C-alpha atoms as a PDB file:
ATOM      1  CA  MET A   1       1.555   6.989  -2.826  1.00  0.00           C
ATOM      2  CA  LEU A   2       2.096  10.780  -2.046  1.00  0.00           C
ATOM      3  CA  VAL A   3       2.705  12.837  -5.161  1.00  0.00           C
ATOM      4  CA  ASN A   4       3.292  16.242  -6.266  1.00  0.00           C
ATOM      5  CA  ALA A   5      -1.033  17.829  -7.174  1.00  0.00           C
ATOM      6  CA  THR A   6       0.984  19.549  -9.951  1.00  0.00           C
ATOM      7  CA  GLU A   7       1.784  16.375 -11.399  1.00  0.00           C
ATOM      8  CA  MET A   8      -1.197  14.782 -11.085  1.00  0.00           C
ATOM      9  CA  LEU A   9      -4.053  17.675 -12.092  1.00  0.00           C
ATOM     10  CA  ILE A  10      -2.239  17.630 -14.929  1.00  0.00           C
ATOM     11  CA  LYS A  11      -2.403  14.062 -15.720  1.00  0.00           C
ATOM     12  CA  ALA A  12      -6.124  14.506 -14.803  1.00  0.00           C
ATOM     13  CA  ARG A  13      -6.834  17.210 -17.340  1.00  0.00           C
ATOM     14  CA  ASP A  14      -5.318  15.175 -19.743  1.00  0.00           C
ATOM     15  CA  GLY A  15      -7.247  12.317 -19.156  1.00  0.00           C
ATOM     16  CA  HIS A  16     -10.558  14.553 -18.887  1.00  0.00           C
ATOM     17  CA  TYR A  17     -11.051  12.730 -15.447  1.00  0.00           C
ATOM     18  CA  GLY A  18     -11.424  14.703 -11.775  1.00  0.00           C
ATOM     19  CA  VAL A  19      -9.348  14.350  -8.747  1.00  0.00           C
ATOM     20  CA  PRO A  20     -11.638  15.262  -5.719  1.00  0.00           C
ATOM     21  CA  GLN A  21     -10.734  17.132  -2.552  1.00  0.00           C
ATOM     22  CA  PHE A  22     -11.472  16.499   0.896  1.00  0.00           C
ATOM     23  CA  ASN A  23     -10.712  18.477   3.749  1.00  0.00           C
ATOM     24  CA  ILE A  24     -10.198  16.062   7.128  1.00  0.00           C
ATOM     25  CA  ASN A  25     -10.319  16.425  10.206  1.00  0.00           C
ATOM     26  CA  ASN A  26      -8.953  13.788  12.391  1.00  0.00           C
ATOM     27  CA  LEU A  27      -7.912  10.040  11.906  1.00  0.00           C
ATOM     28  CA  GLU A  28     -11.130   8.246  10.742  1.00  0.00           C
ATOM     29  CA  TRP A  29     -12.428  10.395   8.345  1.00  0.00           C
ATOM     30  CA  THR A  30      -8.800  10.560   6.748  1.00  0.00           C
ATOM     31  CA  LYS A  31      -9.172   6.682   7.112  1.00  0.00           C
ATOM     32  CA  ALA A  32     -12.542   6.655   5.463  1.00  0.00           C
ATOM     33  CA  VAL A  33     -11.278   8.895   2.480  1.00  0.00           C
ATOM     34  CA  LEU A  34      -8.167   7.140   1.873  1.00  0.00           C
ATOM     35  CA  THR A  35     -10.111   3.833   1.599  1.00  0.00           C
ATOM     36  CA  ALA A  36     -12.445   4.809  -0.519  1.00  0.00           C
ATOM     37  CA  CYS A  37     -10.372   6.225  -3.068  1.00  0.00           C
ATOM     38  CA  GLU A  38      -8.051   3.116  -3.062  1.00  0.00           C
ATOM     39  CA  GLU A  39     -11.620   1.377  -3.780  1.00  0.00           C
ATOM     40  CA  MET A  40     -12.303   3.237  -6.667  1.00  0.00           C
ATOM     41  CA  LYS A  41      -8.703   3.782  -7.598  1.00  0.00           C
ATOM     42  CA  SER A  42      -8.911   7.369  -7.994  1.00  0.00           C
ATOM     43  CA  PRO A  43      -6.451  10.452  -7.061  1.00  0.00           C
ATOM     44  CA  VAL A  44      -7.414  12.284  -3.651  1.00  0.00           C
ATOM     45  CA  ILE A  45      -6.376  15.929  -2.617  1.00  0.00           C
ATOM     46  CA  LEU A  46      -6.498  16.166   1.202  1.00  0.00           C
ATOM     47  CA  GLY A  47      -7.205  19.429   2.582  1.00  0.00           C
ATOM     48  CA  VAL A  48      -6.947  20.352   6.060  1.00  0.00           C
ATOM     49  CA  SER A  49      -7.960  24.134   7.305  1.00  0.00           C
ATOM     50  CA  GLU A  50      -6.002  25.280  10.538  1.00  0.00           C
ATOM     51  CA  GLY A  51      -8.245  24.808  13.275  1.00  0.00           C
ATOM     52  CA  ALA A  52      -8.542  21.047  12.218  1.00  0.00           C
ATOM     53  CA  GLY A  53      -5.020  20.769  11.949  1.00  0.00           C
ATOM     54  CA  LYS A  54      -4.484  22.753  15.725  1.00  0.00           C
ATOM     55  CA  TYR A  55      -7.320  20.045  16.618  1.00  0.00           C
ATOM     56  CA  MET A  56      -5.360  17.011  15.494  1.00  0.00           C
ATOM     57  CA  THR A  57      -2.013  18.602  17.532  1.00  0.00           C
ATOM     58  CA  GLY A  58      -0.202  20.361  14.425  1.00  0.00           C
ATOM     59  CA  PHE A  59       0.658  19.851  10.642  1.00  0.00           C
ATOM     60  CA  LYS A  60       3.747  17.798  11.416  1.00  0.00           C
ATOM     61  CA  THR A  61       1.123  15.509  12.565  1.00  0.00           C
ATOM     62  CA  VAL A  62      -1.610  15.441  10.041  1.00  0.00           C
ATOM     63  CA  ALA A  63       1.550  14.857   7.001  1.00  0.00           C
ATOM     64  CA  ALA A  64       2.868  12.331   9.660  1.00  0.00           C
ATOM     65  CA  MET A  65      -0.818  10.486  10.165  1.00  0.00           C
ATOM     66  CA  VAL A  66      -1.646  10.555   5.863  1.00  0.00           C
ATOM     67  CA  ASP A  67       1.862   9.806   5.244  1.00  0.00           C
ATOM     68  CA  ALA A  68       1.694   6.546   7.636  1.00  0.00           C
ATOM     69  CA  MET A  69      -2.016   5.946   6.602  1.00  0.00           C
ATOM     70  CA  VAL A  70      -0.753   5.973   2.560  1.00  0.00           C
ATOM     71  CA  ASP A  71       1.981   4.098   3.529  1.00  0.00           C
ATOM     72  CA  SER A  72       0.371   1.312   5.319  1.00  0.00           C
ATOM     73  CA  MET A  73      -2.449   0.789   2.714  1.00  0.00           C
ATOM     74  CA  ASP A  74      -0.331  -0.346   0.465  1.00  0.00           C
ATOM     75  CA  HIS A  75      -0.306  -3.483   2.649  1.00  0.00           C
ATOM     76  CA  GLY A  76       1.676  -7.068   1.516  1.00  0.00           C
ATOM     77  CA  THR A  77       3.869  -5.093  -0.222  1.00  0.00           C
ATOM     78  CA  TYR A  78       7.977  -6.297  -0.881  1.00  0.00           C
ATOM     79  CA  GLU A  79       8.909  -2.583   1.657  1.00  0.00           C
ATOM     80  CA  GLY A  80       5.724  -2.885   3.489  1.00  0.00           C
ATOM     81  CA  CYS A  81       6.626  -6.615   4.700  1.00  0.00           C
ATOM     82  CA  LYS A  82       9.682  -5.330   5.075  1.00  0.00           C
ATOM     83  CA  ALA A  83       9.020  -2.863   7.314  1.00  0.00           C
ATOM     84  CA  CYS A  84       6.703  -4.695   9.191  1.00  0.00           C
ATOM     85  CA  VAL A  85       9.479  -7.474  10.299  1.00  0.00           C
ATOM     86  CA  GLU A  86      11.362  -4.451  11.275  1.00  0.00           C
ATOM     87  CA  ALA A  87       8.315  -2.621  13.538  1.00  0.00           C
ATOM     88  CA  GLY A  88       8.415  -5.703  15.011  1.00  0.00           C
ATOM     89  CA  PHE A  89       5.073  -7.576  13.403  1.00  0.00           C
ATOM     90  CA  SER A  90       5.018 -11.421  14.491  1.00  0.00           C
ATOM     91  CA  SER A  91       4.446 -12.578  11.109  1.00  0.00           C
ATOM     92  CA  ILE A  92       3.687 -10.879   7.549  1.00  0.00           C
ATOM     93  CA  MET A  93       1.915 -11.603   4.542  1.00  0.00           C
ATOM     94  CA  PHE A  94       3.345 -10.946   1.014  1.00  0.00           C
ATOM     95  CA  ASP A  95       1.323 -10.568  -1.975  1.00  0.00           C
ATOM     96  CA  GLY A  96       3.768 -10.662  -4.944  1.00  0.00           C
ATOM     97  CA  SER A  97       1.321 -11.710  -7.809  1.00  0.00           C
ATOM     98  CA  HIS A  98       1.454  -8.896  -9.449  1.00  0.00           C
ATOM     99  CA  TYR A  99       5.807  -9.777 -10.377  1.00  0.00           C
ATOM    100  CA  SER A 100       6.810 -11.797 -12.814  1.00  0.00           C
ATOM    101  CA  ILE A 101       6.778 -14.854 -11.432  1.00  0.00           C
ATOM    102  CA  GLU A 102      11.063 -15.020 -11.271  1.00  0.00           C
ATOM    103  CA  GLU A 103      10.770 -12.056  -9.042  1.00  0.00           C
ATOM    104  CA  ASN A 104       8.165 -13.199  -7.329  1.00  0.00           C
ATOM    105  CA  VAL A 105       9.923 -15.955  -6.305  1.00  0.00           C
ATOM    106  CA  GLU A 106      13.065 -13.944  -5.967  1.00  0.00           C
ATOM    107  CA  LYS A 107      11.236 -11.311  -3.295  1.00  0.00           C
ATOM    108  CA  THR A 108       9.344 -14.125  -1.358  1.00  0.00           C
ATOM    109  CA  LYS A 109      12.738 -16.332  -0.625  1.00  0.00           C
ATOM    110  CA  GLU A 110      14.246 -12.745   0.245  1.00  0.00           C
ATOM    111  CA  LEU A 111      11.635 -12.298   3.045  1.00  0.00           C
ATOM    112  CA  VAL A 112      11.515 -15.876   3.980  1.00  0.00           C
ATOM    113  CA  ALA A 113      14.954 -15.176   5.528  1.00  0.00           C
ATOM    114  CA  LEU A 114      14.274 -12.071   6.890  1.00  0.00           C
ATOM    115  CA  ALA A 115      11.445 -13.650   8.514  1.00  0.00           C
ATOM    116  CA  HIS A 116      12.604 -16.482   9.740  1.00  0.00           C
ATOM    117  CA  SER A 117      15.727 -14.881  10.790  1.00  0.00           C
ATOM    118  CA  LYS A 118      13.809 -12.558  13.215  1.00  0.00           C
ATOM    119  CA  GLY A 119      11.678 -15.830  14.103  1.00  0.00           C
ATOM    120  CA  MET A 120       8.452 -15.049  12.231  1.00  0.00           C
ATOM    121  CA  SER A 121       5.874 -16.724  10.424  1.00  0.00           C
ATOM    122  CA  ILE A 122       5.450 -15.658   6.529  1.00  0.00           C
ATOM    123  CA  GLU A 123       2.662 -16.318   4.674  1.00  0.00           C
ATOM    124  CA  ALA A 124       3.165 -15.300   0.864  1.00  0.00           C
ATOM    125  CA  GLU A 125       1.085 -15.704  -2.529  1.00  0.00           C
ATOM    126  CA  VAL A 126       3.924 -17.189  -4.888  1.00  0.00           C
ATOM    127  CA  GLY A 127       2.349 -17.403  -8.293  1.00  0.00           C
ATOM    128  CA  SER A 128      -1.479 -16.349  -9.205  1.00  0.00           C
ATOM    129  CA  ILE A 129      -4.696 -17.907 -10.268  1.00  0.00           C
ATOM    130  CA  GLY A 130      -6.766 -16.904 -12.928  1.00  0.00           C
ATOM    131  CA  GLY A 131      -9.055 -14.146 -12.371  1.00  0.00           C
ATOM    132  CA  VAL A 132      -8.757 -10.468 -11.005  1.00  0.00           C
ATOM    133  CA  GLU A 133      -8.023  -9.564  -7.648  1.00  0.00           C
ATOM    134  CA  ASP A 134      -7.338  -5.651  -6.790  1.00  0.00           C
ATOM    135  CA  GLY A 135      -6.979  -4.929 -10.088  1.00  0.00           C
ATOM    136  CA  VAL A 136      -4.118  -7.662 -10.611  1.00  0.00           C
ATOM    137  CA  VAL A 137      -4.924  -9.994 -13.276  1.00  0.00           C
ATOM    138  CA  GLY A 138      -3.849 -13.441 -12.105  1.00  0.00           C
ATOM    139  CA  ASN A 139      -2.652 -15.326 -15.386  1.00  0.00           C
ATOM    140  CA  GLY A 140      -2.482 -18.978 -13.643  1.00  0.00           C
ATOM    141  CA  GLU A 141       1.192 -19.231 -13.173  1.00  0.00           C
ATOM    142  CA  ILE A 142       1.979 -20.914 -10.131  1.00  0.00           C
ATOM    143  CA  ALA A 143       5.444 -21.288  -7.974  1.00  0.00           C
ATOM    144  CA  ASP A 144       7.067 -24.603  -7.205  1.00  0.00           C
ATOM    145  CA  PRO A 145       6.375 -24.041  -3.393  1.00  0.00           C
ATOM    146  CA  ALA A 146      10.129 -25.952  -3.052  1.00  0.00           C
ATOM    147  CA  GLU A 147      11.497 -23.027  -4.675  1.00  0.00           C
ATOM    148  CA  CYS A 148      10.820 -20.603  -1.898  1.00  0.00           C
ATOM    149  CA  ALA A 149      11.465 -22.414   0.891  1.00  0.00           C
END
């Protein structure tokens, strides 16, 4: 999620943690930085020099690239799945395990209807198993698959 740097730095100051800043020069560097920071659950500031901006065909391209990468790294979200349907994907996977079971089932039903209306397949994580994955603590709720069909 893109946020205002001032707000991010105030939170870091108040929370007593640092925020790394990396200069980016291309798609690969940007992806590596964003992936590492996502894994570490760390905010990050991306910088780009005028030379690197020109190399990447301009600041508008850099901003669009970063925005698209941030959006795509939130894979499996409700909004992300809807965007994939509109982009013409042939299949989607929705991970709603961080929602309450009721909200998860409702969002899954909506995505199933949307995907099927476009002839797409869909996989959904409805409910959760015990444990921790990607920072989400599962409490063992399991939905009846018939509720989502």
